[in-house]
Amino acid sequence: MKIHQDNTDGSYRIIRHGAEGVQINNQLYAQSVVVTPDQLISPWPPSTLMEMTLEHLKIAQTLDPEVMLLGTGANQQFPTREIMRPILQSGIGLEVMDTGSACRTYNILMGEGRRVVAALIIST
């Protein structure tokens, strides 16, 4: 699914997502990534939610977001309370959704000028 075409300001925009991965600007990523409007971390270690640890989410937390989107793959799945609790207690909004929804939401929040980070699990 193609999401966004314009990239005139140098920001990291999610162009499309699908079974082959996530396209950010002109690059296709087949491994999990963390993306903000001005930073990209690739690869991001977990390839499934079961592999994800609190340390993985802390990588995204260090980017100082007001909202963190966690894309959990093809289906929405929730991490354990032990993983979610420290992020929520830090005052960061944490939204858990499937990766496609996280990609769409990231572009909307980025367009609003919000400090958003998307941690996207990509399983190919």
N, C-alpha and C. Protein backbone atom coordinates (compact mmCIF):
# COMPACT_ATOMS: atom_id res chain seq x y z
N MET A 1 0.84 -1.17 0.00
CA MET A 1 0.00 0.00 0.00
C MET A 1 0.89 1.24 0.00
N LYS A 2 0.69 2.12 -0.96
CA LYS A 2 1.45 3.36 -1.03
C LYS A 2 0.81 4.36 -0.08
N ILE A 3 1.63 5.08 0.68
CA ILE A 3 1.10 5.98 1.69
C ILE A 3 1.33 7.44 1.34
N HIS A 4 2.53 7.81 0.95
CA HIS A 4 2.86 9.22 0.79
C HIS A 4 3.89 9.39 -0.31
N GLN A 5 3.77 10.45 -1.10
CA GLN A 5 4.71 10.65 -2.19
C GLN A 5 5.67 11.80 -1.96
N ASP A 6 5.28 12.84 -1.30
CA ASP A 6 6.07 14.06 -1.18
C ASP A 6 7.19 13.90 -0.17
N ASN A 7 8.38 14.37 -0.53
CA ASN A 7 9.51 14.38 0.40
C ASN A 7 10.41 15.57 0.09
N THR A 8 9.88 16.75 0.21
CA THR A 8 10.64 17.94 -0.15
C THR A 8 11.39 18.55 1.02
N ASP A 9 11.10 18.16 2.24
CA ASP A 9 11.73 18.82 3.39
C ASP A 9 12.85 18.01 4.04
N GLY A 10 13.25 16.88 3.48
CA GLY A 10 14.34 16.09 4.02
C GLY A 10 13.97 15.19 5.17
N SER A 11 12.71 15.13 5.53
CA SER A 11 12.26 14.28 6.63
C SER A 11 12.16 12.83 6.19
N TYR A 12 12.22 11.94 7.17
CA TYR A 12 11.99 10.52 6.91
C TYR A 12 10.48 10.29 6.84
N ARG A 13 10.00 9.96 5.67
CA ARG A 13 8.58 9.68 5.46
C ARG A 13 8.42 8.22 5.04
N ILE A 14 7.36 7.63 5.51
CA ILE A 14 7.06 6.26 5.11
C ILE A 14 6.22 6.34 3.85
N ILE A 15 6.75 5.81 2.77
CA ILE A 15 6.12 5.88 1.47
C ILE A 15 5.11 4.74 1.29
N ARG A 16 5.52 3.54 1.68
CA ARG A 16 4.61 2.39 1.56
C ARG A 16 5.08 1.28 2.49
N HIS A 17 4.20 0.35 2.71
CA HIS A 17 4.53 -0.84 3.50
C HIS A 17 3.82 -2.03 2.86
N GLY A 18 4.38 -3.18 3.07
CA GLY A 18 3.78 -4.39 2.53
C GLY A 18 4.56 -5.61 2.98
N ALA A 19 4.31 -6.73 2.35
CA ALA A 19 4.94 -7.99 2.74
C ALA A 19 6.46 -7.94 2.57
N GLU A 20 6.95 -7.12 1.64
CA GLU A 20 8.40 -7.05 1.40
C GLU A 20 9.12 -6.11 2.36
N GLY A 21 8.41 -5.30 3.11
CA GLY A 21 9.03 -4.40 4.07
C GLY A 21 8.40 -3.02 4.06
N VAL A 22 9.16 -2.04 4.52
CA VAL A 22 8.68 -0.66 4.62
C VAL A 22 9.61 0.22 3.80
N GLN A 23 9.02 1.03 2.94
CA GLN A 23 9.82 1.98 2.17
C GLN A 23 9.80 3.32 2.88
N ILE A 24 10.99 3.79 3.26
CA ILE A 24 11.16 5.09 3.89
C ILE A 24 11.96 5.94 2.92
N ASN A 25 11.34 7.04 2.48
CA ASN A 25 11.90 7.84 1.39
C ASN A 25 12.16 6.91 0.21
N ASN A 26 13.37 6.83 -0.29
CA ASN A 26 13.66 6.01 -1.48
C ASN A 26 14.25 4.65 -1.16
N GLN A 27 14.29 4.26 0.12
CA GLN A 27 14.94 3.02 0.54
C GLN A 27 13.91 2.03 1.09
N LEU A 28 13.98 0.78 0.64
CA LEU A 28 13.14 -0.28 1.17
C LEU A 28 13.87 -0.99 2.30
N TYR A 29 13.23 -1.15 3.44
CA TYR A 29 13.80 -1.84 4.60
C TYR A 29 13.04 -3.13 4.83
N ALA A 30 13.75 -4.24 4.76
CA ALA A 30 13.15 -5.56 4.98
C ALA A 30 13.36 -6.04 6.40
N GLN A 31 14.06 -5.24 7.22
CA GLN A 31 14.27 -5.56 8.64
C GLN A 31 13.64 -4.47 9.49
N SER A 32 13.38 -4.78 10.73
CA SER A 32 12.75 -3.84 11.65
C SER A 32 13.56 -2.56 11.76
N VAL A 33 12.85 -1.43 11.95
CA VAL A 33 13.48 -0.11 12.01
C VAL A 33 12.83 0.73 13.09
N VAL A 34 13.55 1.77 13.50
CA VAL A 34 13.01 2.84 14.34
C VAL A 34 13.17 4.11 13.53
N VAL A 35 12.10 4.88 13.40
CA VAL A 35 12.16 6.09 12.57
C VAL A 35 11.48 7.26 13.28
N THR A 36 12.10 8.42 13.16
CA THR A 36 11.52 9.70 13.58
C THR A 36 11.59 10.60 12.34
N PRO A 37 10.98 11.76 12.39
CA PRO A 37 11.09 12.65 11.23
C PRO A 37 12.53 12.98 10.85
N ASP A 38 13.48 12.93 11.80
CA ASP A 38 14.85 13.31 11.46
C ASP A 38 15.91 12.26 11.80
N GLN A 39 15.50 11.06 12.20
CA GLN A 39 16.46 10.01 12.52
C GLN A 39 15.92 8.66 12.09
N LEU A 40 16.85 7.77 11.72
CA LEU A 40 16.48 6.42 11.32
C LEU A 40 17.50 5.45 11.91
N ILE A 41 17.00 4.42 12.57
CA ILE A 41 17.86 3.38 13.13
C ILE A 41 17.50 2.08 12.40
N SER A 42 18.47 1.55 11.69
CA SER A 42 18.25 0.32 10.93
C SER A 42 19.55 -0.46 10.85
N PRO A 43 19.51 -1.74 11.12
CA PRO A 43 18.33 -2.48 11.56
C PRO A 43 18.10 -2.30 13.06
N TRP A 44 16.86 -2.49 13.46
CA TRP A 44 16.47 -2.51 14.87
C TRP A 44 16.32 -3.99 15.20
N PRO A 45 16.91 -4.49 16.28
CA PRO A 45 17.06 -5.94 16.48
C PRO A 45 15.81 -6.84 16.44
N PRO A 46 14.67 -6.51 17.06
CA PRO A 46 13.64 -7.56 17.09
C PRO A 46 12.97 -7.76 15.73
N SER A 47 12.82 -9.03 15.33
CA SER A 47 12.08 -9.33 14.11
C SER A 47 10.70 -9.88 14.42
N THR A 48 10.42 -10.12 15.70
CA THR A 48 9.09 -10.51 16.17
C THR A 48 8.86 -9.87 17.53
N LEU A 49 7.62 -9.78 17.93
CA LEU A 49 7.32 -9.23 19.25
C LEU A 49 7.91 -10.11 20.35
N MET A 50 7.94 -11.40 20.13
CA MET A 50 8.49 -12.31 21.14
C MET A 50 9.97 -12.05 21.40
N GLU A 51 10.70 -11.52 20.41
CA GLU A 51 12.12 -11.20 20.56
C GLU A 51 12.35 -9.85 21.22
N MET A 52 11.33 -9.00 21.27
CA MET A 52 11.51 -7.64 21.76
C MET A 52 11.68 -7.61 23.29
N THR A 53 12.63 -6.79 23.73
CA THR A 53 12.88 -6.59 25.15
C THR A 53 12.69 -5.11 25.49
N LEU A 54 12.72 -4.80 26.76
CA LEU A 54 12.65 -3.42 27.19
C LEU A 54 13.82 -2.62 26.63
N GLU A 55 14.98 -3.23 26.54
CA GLU A 55 16.15 -2.54 25.99
C GLU A 55 15.93 -2.10 24.55
N HIS A 56 15.20 -2.89 23.79
CA HIS A 56 14.89 -2.50 22.41
C HIS A 56 14.02 -1.25 22.39
N LEU A 57 13.01 -1.20 23.26
CA LEU A 57 12.16 -0.01 23.30
C LEU A 57 12.90 1.21 23.85
N LYS A 58 13.86 0.97 24.73
CA LYS A 58 14.63 2.10 25.27
C LYS A 58 15.44 2.79 24.17
N ILE A 59 15.81 2.06 23.11
CA ILE A 59 16.48 2.69 21.97
C ILE A 59 15.57 3.77 21.39
N ALA A 60 14.30 3.45 21.21
CA ALA A 60 13.34 4.43 20.70
C ALA A 60 13.09 5.54 21.71
N GLN A 61 13.08 5.19 22.99
CA GLN A 61 12.83 6.18 24.04
C GLN A 61 13.92 7.25 24.08
N THR A 62 15.16 6.89 23.77
CA THR A 62 16.25 7.87 23.83
C THR A 62 16.10 8.96 22.78
N LEU A 63 15.22 8.78 21.81
CA LEU A 63 15.01 9.78 20.77
C LEU A 63 14.05 10.88 21.20
N ASP A 64 13.65 10.88 22.47
CA ASP A 64 12.84 11.92 23.10
C ASP A 64 11.49 12.17 22.42
N PRO A 65 10.70 11.10 22.21
CA PRO A 65 9.39 11.32 21.59
C PRO A 65 8.35 11.75 22.61
N GLU A 66 7.29 12.38 22.13
CA GLU A 66 6.11 12.56 22.97
C GLU A 66 5.17 11.38 22.77
N VAL A 67 5.25 10.76 21.58
CA VAL A 67 4.43 9.59 21.26
C VAL A 67 5.31 8.53 20.61
N MET A 68 5.20 7.30 21.10
CA MET A 68 5.90 6.17 20.51
C MET A 68 4.86 5.22 19.92
N LEU A 69 5.02 4.92 18.64
CA LEU A 69 4.16 3.95 17.97
C LEU A 69 4.93 2.65 17.85
N LEU A 70 4.33 1.58 18.31
CA LEU A 70 4.95 0.27 18.21
C LEU A 70 4.16 -0.54 17.20
N GLY A 71 4.76 -0.79 16.04
CA GLY A 71 4.15 -1.64 15.02
C GLY A 71 4.60 -3.07 15.25
N THR A 72 3.64 -3.96 15.50
CA THR A 72 3.97 -5.31 15.96
C THR A 72 3.93 -6.37 14.86
N GLY A 73 3.98 -5.97 13.60
CA GLY A 73 3.94 -6.93 12.51
C GLY A 73 2.58 -6.91 11.84
N ALA A 74 2.21 -8.02 11.22
CA ALA A 74 0.96 -8.09 10.47
C ALA A 74 -0.28 -7.95 11.35
N ASN A 75 -0.16 -8.31 12.61
CA ASN A 75 -1.29 -8.24 13.54
C ASN A 75 -0.91 -7.46 14.79
N GLN A 76 -1.91 -6.82 15.37
CA GLN A 76 -1.68 -6.11 16.63
C GLN A 76 -1.50 -7.14 17.75
N GLN A 77 -0.38 -7.00 18.46
CA GLN A 77 -0.08 -7.85 19.61
C GLN A 77 0.50 -6.95 20.68
N PHE A 78 0.25 -7.23 21.91
CA PHE A 78 0.75 -6.37 22.97
C PHE A 78 1.95 -7.00 23.67
N PRO A 79 2.99 -6.19 23.92
CA PRO A 79 4.11 -6.68 24.72
C PRO A 79 3.68 -6.87 26.16
N THR A 80 4.54 -7.48 26.92
CA THR A 80 4.23 -7.71 28.34
C THR A 80 4.16 -6.38 29.10
N ARG A 81 3.50 -6.41 30.22
CA ARG A 81 3.43 -5.21 31.09
C ARG A 81 4.81 -4.76 31.52
N GLU A 82 5.71 -5.73 31.74
CA GLU A 82 7.06 -5.40 32.18
C GLU A 82 7.81 -4.58 31.13
N ILE A 83 7.49 -4.78 29.87
CA ILE A 83 8.11 -4.01 28.79
C ILE A 83 7.43 -2.65 28.64
N MET A 84 6.11 -2.62 28.72
CA MET A 84 5.37 -1.38 28.49
C MET A 84 5.45 -0.40 29.67
N ARG A 85 5.43 -0.91 30.89
CA ARG A 85 5.32 -0.06 32.07
C ARG A 85 6.39 1.04 32.15
N PRO A 86 7.67 0.75 32.01
CA PRO A 86 8.68 1.81 32.13
C PRO A 86 8.52 2.92 31.08
N ILE A 87 8.08 2.56 29.89
CA ILE A 87 7.87 3.58 28.85
C ILE A 87 6.70 4.47 29.25
N LEU A 88 5.61 3.87 29.66
CA LEU A 88 4.44 4.65 30.06
C LEU A 88 4.73 5.51 31.28
N GLN A 89 5.49 4.98 32.24
CA GLN A 89 5.82 5.75 33.45
C GLN A 89 6.75 6.92 33.15
N SER A 90 7.42 6.90 32.02
CA SER A 90 8.31 8.00 31.66
C SER A 90 7.54 9.19 31.09
N GLY A 91 6.23 9.02 30.89
CA GLY A 91 5.41 10.11 30.36
C GLY A 91 5.27 10.10 28.85
N ILE A 92 5.82 9.10 28.20
CA ILE A 92 5.69 8.97 26.75
C ILE A 92 4.41 8.22 26.43
N GLY A 93 3.63 8.74 25.50
CA GLY A 93 2.45 8.02 25.04
C GLY A 93 2.90 6.83 24.22
N LEU A 94 2.39 5.65 24.52
CA LEU A 94 2.76 4.43 23.80
C LEU A 94 1.51 3.86 23.15
N GLU A 95 1.53 3.78 21.83
CA GLU A 95 0.41 3.20 21.08
C GLU A 95 0.90 1.94 20.39
N VAL A 96 0.19 0.84 20.60
CA VAL A 96 0.56 -0.45 20.02
C VAL A 96 -0.46 -0.79 18.94
N MET A 97 0.04 -1.11 17.74
CA MET A 97 -0.84 -1.43 16.61
C MET A 97 -0.09 -2.29 15.62
N ASP A 98 -0.80 -2.80 14.62
CA ASP A 98 -0.10 -3.55 13.58
C ASP A 98 0.81 -2.57 12.83
N THR A 99 1.82 -3.08 12.13
CA THR A 99 2.82 -2.22 11.51
C THR A 99 2.22 -1.31 10.44
N GLY A 100 1.26 -1.79 9.66
CA GLY A 100 0.62 -0.94 8.65
C GLY A 100 -0.06 0.27 9.28
N SER A 101 -0.79 0.04 10.36
CA SER A 101 -1.46 1.15 11.05
C SER A 101 -0.44 2.10 11.67
N ALA A 102 0.66 1.56 12.19
CA ALA A 102 1.70 2.40 12.77
C ALA A 102 2.34 3.29 11.70
N CYS A 103 2.52 2.76 10.49
CA CYS A 103 3.09 3.55 9.39
C CYS A 103 2.17 4.71 9.03
N ARG A 104 0.87 4.44 8.89
CA ARG A 104 -0.08 5.50 8.55
C ARG A 104 -0.16 6.54 9.65
N THR A 105 -0.20 6.11 10.89
CA THR A 105 -0.30 7.02 12.02
C THR A 105 0.95 7.87 12.15
N TYR A 106 2.12 7.28 11.91
CA TYR A 106 3.38 8.01 11.94
C TYR A 106 3.33 9.19 10.97
N ASN A 107 2.91 8.95 9.73
CA ASN A 107 2.87 10.02 8.74
C ASN A 107 1.91 11.14 9.15
N ILE A 108 0.79 10.78 9.73
CA ILE A 108 -0.18 11.80 10.19
C ILE A 108 0.44 12.64 11.30
N LEU A 109 1.00 11.99 12.33
CA LEU A 109 1.57 12.73 13.46
C LEU A 109 2.78 13.55 13.03
N MET A 110 3.60 13.00 12.13
CA MET A 110 4.74 13.74 11.62
C MET A 110 4.26 14.99 10.89
N GLY A 111 3.21 14.86 10.10
CA GLY A 111 2.65 16.00 9.37
C GLY A 111 2.11 17.08 10.28
N GLU A 112 1.71 16.70 11.48
CA GLU A 112 1.23 17.66 12.48
C GLU A 112 2.37 18.30 13.27
N GLY A 113 3.61 17.87 12.97
CA GLY A 113 4.76 18.43 13.68
C GLY A 113 4.98 17.83 15.06
N ARG A 114 4.41 16.68 15.33
CA ARG A 114 4.57 16.03 16.63
C ARG A 114 5.91 15.32 16.72
N ARG A 115 6.44 15.19 17.94
CA ARG A 115 7.68 14.43 18.18
C ARG A 115 7.29 12.95 18.29
N VAL A 116 7.25 12.29 17.15
CA VAL A 116 6.80 10.90 17.08
C VAL A 116 7.96 10.00 16.71
N VAL A 117 7.97 8.82 17.28
CA VAL A 117 8.90 7.77 16.89
C VAL A 117 8.08 6.53 16.61
N ALA A 118 8.43 5.85 15.51
CA ALA A 118 7.77 4.60 15.17
C ALA A 118 8.81 3.49 15.26
N ALA A 119 8.55 2.52 16.10
CA ALA A 119 9.37 1.32 16.22
C ALA A 119 8.59 0.23 15.48
N LEU A 120 9.09 -0.16 14.32
CA LEU A 120 8.34 -1.02 13.41
C LEU A 120 8.97 -2.39 13.28
N ILE A 121 8.24 -3.41 13.74
CA ILE A 121 8.69 -4.78 13.57
C ILE A 121 8.28 -5.21 12.17
N ILE A 122 9.28 -5.63 11.40
CA ILE A 122 9.05 -6.06 10.03
C ILE A 122 9.44 -7.52 9.94
N SER A 123 8.46 -8.35 9.65
CA SER A 123 8.69 -9.79 9.48
C SER A 123 8.41 -10.13 8.03
N THR A 124 9.44 -10.54 7.32
CA THR A 124 9.23 -10.91 5.90
C THR A 124 9.36 -12.39 5.72
